[in-house]
Amino acid sequence: MRSFALAFALGSLVAGQAAATERRAVYEGRVHVIDGDTFDMGRDRLRLWGVDAPEAKQQCLRGGAAYLCGMHVADALRRYIGRDPVRCEYKDWDPARALDHKDRAIVRCTVRGVDLSDWLASRGLAVSYFVGNYRSTAMRACEANIGLWSGSFARPSSYRRQGDFTSDVMGAETRRPCGRALNRLQ
């Protein structure tokens, strides 16, 4: 019994280390999409730089009906990437996630030469994360009323904090003019 417990403890330790993201300048390979701005590449967990997409289980409103916008965005990203290799360049580290042992590298990624953060923002599938990053692209999507902007949605950061599906969290605030909505989403 003692040897089983020791083997289990060692296996858990090794598995925990294997799941930790390695800090590198460049990550290249096929990805497994977790949600609209996070994916795994081998043993590395990567987070797209400059945009914030709805969480996997997040709901939004369109035409008065709720839908799983987080799943919709993740599926769109999966379809766009397909089986093509993704190239990511390290931008930063996510210290908030490091505290709970879910280290993620913050990366700028391309597939077939297209910046994935820009692709998401241009289709209204993600909002710019900071004022300068992809803000003009997100503004054009908002003004065109496409993607998430065709209905209402909560800031992904608000959803993560509140984690429920009330109409407030679904995003009455995004019905404002685009400039005010994007400023509010920063």
Protein backbone atom coordinates (compact mmCIF):
# COMPACT_ATOMS: atom_id res chain seq x y z
CA MET A 1 0.00 0.00 0.00
CA ARG A 2 2.85 2.35 0.87
CA SER A 3 4.51 1.81 -2.55
CA PHE A 4 1.20 2.55 -4.31
CA ALA A 5 0.85 5.86 -2.40
CA LEU A 6 4.45 6.79 -3.23
CA ALA A 7 3.98 5.93 -6.91
CA PHE A 8 0.75 7.98 -7.00
CA ALA A 9 2.45 10.96 -5.34
CA LEU A 10 5.40 10.83 -7.75
CA GLY A 11 3.07 10.45 -10.74
CA SER A 12 1.07 13.47 -9.60
CA LEU A 13 4.25 15.51 -9.15
CA VAL A 14 5.54 14.60 -12.61
CA ALA A 15 2.13 15.30 -14.20
CA GLY A 16 1.99 18.68 -12.46
CA GLN A 17 5.42 19.60 -13.78
CA ALA A 18 4.57 18.41 -17.28
CA ALA A 19 1.54 20.71 -17.36
CA ALA A 20 3.59 23.82 -16.52
CA THR A 21 4.16 26.12 -19.46
CA GLU A 22 7.75 26.52 -20.53
CA ARG A 23 8.89 30.10 -21.06
CA ARG A 24 10.29 30.40 -24.58
CA ALA A 25 10.70 33.19 -27.12
CA VAL A 26 8.80 31.27 -29.83
CA TYR A 27 6.18 28.52 -29.74
CA GLU A 28 5.37 26.66 -32.95
CA GLY A 29 3.03 23.79 -33.67
CA ARG A 30 -0.57 22.63 -33.72
CA VAL A 31 -2.91 23.89 -31.05
CA HIS A 32 -5.90 22.71 -29.06
CA VAL A 33 -8.31 25.64 -28.57
CA ILE A 34 -9.58 25.99 -24.99
CA ASP A 35 -11.59 29.17 -25.52
CA GLY A 36 -11.47 32.21 -27.78
CA ASP A 37 -8.15 33.50 -26.50
CA THR A 38 -6.49 30.49 -24.84
CA PHE A 39 -5.09 27.28 -26.27
CA ASP A 40 -2.68 24.50 -25.57
CA MET A 41 0.31 23.75 -27.75
CA GLY A 42 1.74 20.47 -26.55
CA ARG A 43 2.30 20.94 -22.83
CA ASP A 44 2.22 24.74 -23.01
CA ARG A 45 -0.84 26.85 -22.18
CA LEU A 46 -0.88 30.04 -24.26
CA ARG A 47 -3.04 33.17 -24.01
CA LEU A 48 -3.43 35.55 -26.94
CA TRP A 49 -2.00 39.00 -26.35
CA GLY A 50 -4.08 42.14 -26.85
CA VAL A 51 -7.62 40.71 -26.92
CA ASP A 52 -10.15 39.31 -24.51
CA ALA A 53 -12.72 36.80 -25.79
CA PRO A 54 -15.78 35.41 -24.01
CA GLU A 55 -15.18 32.48 -21.68
CA ALA A 56 -16.14 29.01 -22.93
CA LYS A 57 -19.42 28.88 -20.97
CA GLN A 58 -20.28 32.57 -21.29
CA GLN A 59 -23.68 33.49 -22.67
CA CYS A 60 -24.53 36.57 -24.73
CA LEU A 61 -27.73 37.94 -26.24
CA ARG A 62 -28.63 38.28 -29.91
CA GLY A 63 -32.12 39.11 -31.12
CA GLY A 64 -33.35 38.81 -27.53
CA ALA A 65 -32.19 35.18 -27.22
CA ALA A 66 -29.29 33.88 -25.17
CA TYR A 67 -26.59 31.84 -26.88
CA LEU A 68 -23.25 30.37 -25.81
CA CYS A 69 -21.07 33.06 -27.34
CA GLY A 70 -17.93 31.67 -25.68
CA MET A 71 -18.42 28.33 -27.45
CA HIS A 72 -19.28 30.14 -30.69
CA VAL A 73 -16.02 32.11 -30.59
CA ALA A 74 -13.92 29.04 -29.69
CA ASP A 75 -15.52 27.07 -32.53
CA ALA A 76 -14.86 29.90 -35.00
CA LEU A 77 -11.21 29.99 -33.93
CA ARG A 78 -10.91 26.19 -34.25
CA ARG A 79 -12.36 26.28 -37.77
CA TYR A 80 -10.10 29.16 -38.81
CA ILE A 81 -6.91 27.52 -37.54
CA GLY A 82 -7.87 24.05 -38.71
CA ARG A 83 -4.89 21.71 -38.63
CA ASP A 84 -2.41 24.39 -39.68
CA PRO A 85 0.62 25.12 -37.52
CA VAL A 86 0.51 28.23 -35.35
CA ARG A 87 3.53 30.40 -34.63
CA CYS A 88 3.53 32.42 -31.42
CA GLU A 89 6.01 34.93 -30.09
CA TYR A 90 6.30 35.51 -26.36
CA LYS A 91 5.04 38.92 -25.19
CA ASP A 92 4.54 38.60 -21.43
CA TRP A 93 3.78 36.25 -18.56
CA ASP A 94 0.43 36.04 -16.76
CA PRO A 95 1.41 36.44 -13.08
CA ALA A 96 -2.21 36.23 -11.87
CA ARG A 97 -2.46 32.69 -13.26
CA ALA A 98 0.96 31.73 -11.94
CA LEU A 99 -0.45 32.03 -8.42
CA ASP A 100 -2.84 29.13 -9.00
CA HIS A 101 -0.29 27.04 -10.94
CA LYS A 102 -1.96 27.59 -14.31
CA ASP A 103 0.92 29.47 -15.87
CA ARG A 104 0.15 30.87 -19.29
CA ALA A 105 2.49 32.61 -21.63
CA ILE A 106 1.00 35.74 -23.20
CA VAL A 107 1.77 35.44 -26.90
CA ARG A 108 1.17 37.08 -30.28
CA CYS A 109 0.22 34.31 -32.70
CA THR A 110 -0.14 33.91 -36.43
CA VAL A 111 -1.52 31.16 -38.64
CA ARG A 112 -0.85 31.32 -42.39
CA GLY A 113 0.67 34.77 -41.71
CA VAL A 114 -2.52 36.20 -40.13
CA ASP A 115 -2.42 37.67 -36.61
CA LEU A 116 -5.02 35.69 -34.62
CA SER A 117 -5.82 38.55 -32.21
CA ASP A 118 -6.47 40.88 -35.13
CA TRP A 119 -8.57 38.19 -36.86
CA LEU A 120 -10.76 37.77 -33.74
CA ALA A 121 -11.15 41.53 -33.16
CA SER A 122 -11.93 42.23 -36.85
CA ARG A 123 -14.82 39.75 -36.76
CA GLY A 124 -16.20 41.08 -33.49
CA LEU A 125 -15.29 37.85 -31.69
CA ALA A 126 -13.04 39.52 -29.10
CA VAL A 127 -12.53 42.97 -27.65
CA SER A 128 -9.24 44.79 -27.37
CA TYR A 129 -7.66 44.14 -24.01
CA PHE A 130 -5.84 47.44 -23.58
CA VAL A 131 -6.53 50.78 -25.22
CA GLY A 132 -3.85 50.53 -27.93
CA ASN A 133 -4.02 46.82 -28.71
CA TYR A 134 -6.38 46.11 -31.62
CA ARG A 135 -8.68 48.93 -30.52
CA SER A 136 -9.19 50.37 -34.02
CA THR A 137 -9.93 46.89 -35.37
CA ALA A 138 -12.48 46.26 -32.60
CA MET A 139 -14.00 49.70 -33.25
CA ARG A 140 -14.60 48.84 -36.91
CA ALA A 141 -16.29 45.54 -35.91
CA CYS A 142 -18.47 47.38 -33.39
CA GLU A 143 -19.48 50.02 -35.94
CA ALA A 144 -20.29 47.27 -38.47
CA ASN A 145 -22.43 45.55 -35.81
CA ILE A 146 -20.82 42.16 -36.39
CA GLY A 147 -19.97 39.24 -34.14
CA LEU A 148 -20.60 39.92 -30.47
CA TRP A 149 -21.50 43.50 -31.39
CA SER A 150 -24.65 42.31 -33.19
CA GLY A 151 -26.21 41.71 -29.77
CA SER A 152 -25.14 42.40 -26.23
CA PHE A 153 -22.48 40.81 -24.11
CA ALA A 154 -20.61 41.28 -20.88
CA ARG A 155 -16.99 42.18 -20.82
CA PRO A 156 -15.20 38.84 -20.45
CA SER A 157 -13.44 40.27 -17.38
CA SER A 158 -16.84 41.11 -15.80
CA TYR A 159 -18.10 37.63 -16.56
CA ARG A 160 -15.02 36.09 -14.94
CA ARG A 161 -15.60 38.18 -11.82
CA GLN A 162 -19.36 37.60 -11.57
CA GLY A 163 -19.73 34.26 -13.35
CA ASP A 164 -23.49 34.20 -13.75
CA PHE A 165 -25.98 34.74 -16.55
CA THR A 166 -28.08 37.68 -15.40
CA SER A 167 -29.02 40.32 -17.95
CA ASP A 168 -26.56 42.71 -16.30
CA VAL A 169 -23.74 40.28 -16.91
CA MET A 170 -24.97 39.62 -20.46
CA GLY A 171 -24.16 43.20 -21.20
CA ALA A 172 -26.70 45.95 -21.31
CA GLU A 173 -23.62 48.19 -21.17
CA THR A 174 -22.53 47.22 -24.70
CA ARG A 175 -25.63 48.85 -26.22
CA ARG A 176 -23.80 52.19 -25.96
CA PRO A 177 -22.19 53.89 -28.95
CA CYS A 178 -19.03 52.02 -30.00
CA GLY A 179 -16.51 54.50 -28.64
CA ARG A 180 -18.12 54.54 -25.20
CA ALA A 181 -18.65 50.76 -25.23
CA LEU A 182 -15.01 50.09 -26.13
CA ASN A 183 -13.79 52.55 -23.50
CA ARG A 184 -15.99 50.77 -20.96
CA LEU A 185 -14.59 47.40 -22.08
CA GLN A 186 -10.98 48.38 -21.41
